[in-house]
Amino acid sequence: MMSLRGRVVRLWALVPLQRLNPQILLVKQFIGFVESRKD
């Protein structure tokens, strides 16, 4: 039986990069925002 984590990683690998890009940009912006708020 495959672990849940393995299944998630497999799903992520199957997602087309093009659909992933906007989400990655949003995550990067959010992380940058959080980092700037920390100082």
Protein backbone atom coordinates (compact mmCIF):
# COMPACT_ATOMS: atom_id res chain seq x y z
CA MET A 1 0.00 0.00 0.00
CA MET A 2 1.33 3.41 -0.99
CA SER A 3 1.62 6.09 1.64
CA LEU A 4 -0.48 9.23 1.37
CA ARG A 5 2.65 11.32 0.94
CA GLY A 6 3.76 9.17 -1.99
CA ARG A 7 0.36 9.61 -3.59
CA VAL A 8 0.50 13.40 -3.20
CA VAL A 9 3.99 13.56 -4.69
CA ARG A 10 2.78 11.44 -7.60
CA LEU A 11 -0.16 13.81 -8.15
CA TRP A 12 2.13 16.83 -8.09
CA ALA A 13 4.37 15.17 -10.67
CA LEU A 14 1.37 14.62 -12.94
CA VAL A 15 0.15 18.22 -12.78
CA PRO A 16 1.22 20.17 -15.87
CA LEU A 17 3.85 22.79 -15.07
CA GLN A 18 1.87 25.45 -16.89
CA ARG A 19 -1.05 25.12 -14.50
CA LEU A 20 1.36 25.11 -11.58
CA ASN A 21 3.20 28.33 -12.45
CA PRO A 22 0.57 30.90 -11.36
CA GLN A 23 0.20 29.15 -8.01
CA ILE A 24 3.96 29.07 -7.49
CA LEU A 25 4.12 32.81 -8.20
CA LEU A 26 1.34 33.44 -5.69
CA VAL A 27 3.11 31.33 -3.07
CA LYS A 28 6.39 33.17 -3.70
CA GLN A 29 4.65 36.53 -3.35
CA PHE A 30 2.97 35.41 -0.14
CA ILE A 31 6.26 34.13 1.32
CA GLY A 32 7.96 37.39 0.38
CA PHE A 33 5.14 39.33 2.03
CA VAL A 34 5.44 37.27 5.24
CA GLU A 35 9.23 37.69 5.27
CA SER A 36 8.92 41.46 4.86
CA ARG A 37 6.39 41.63 7.69
CA LYS A 38 8.77 39.77 10.02
CA ASP A 39 11.40 42.51 10.08
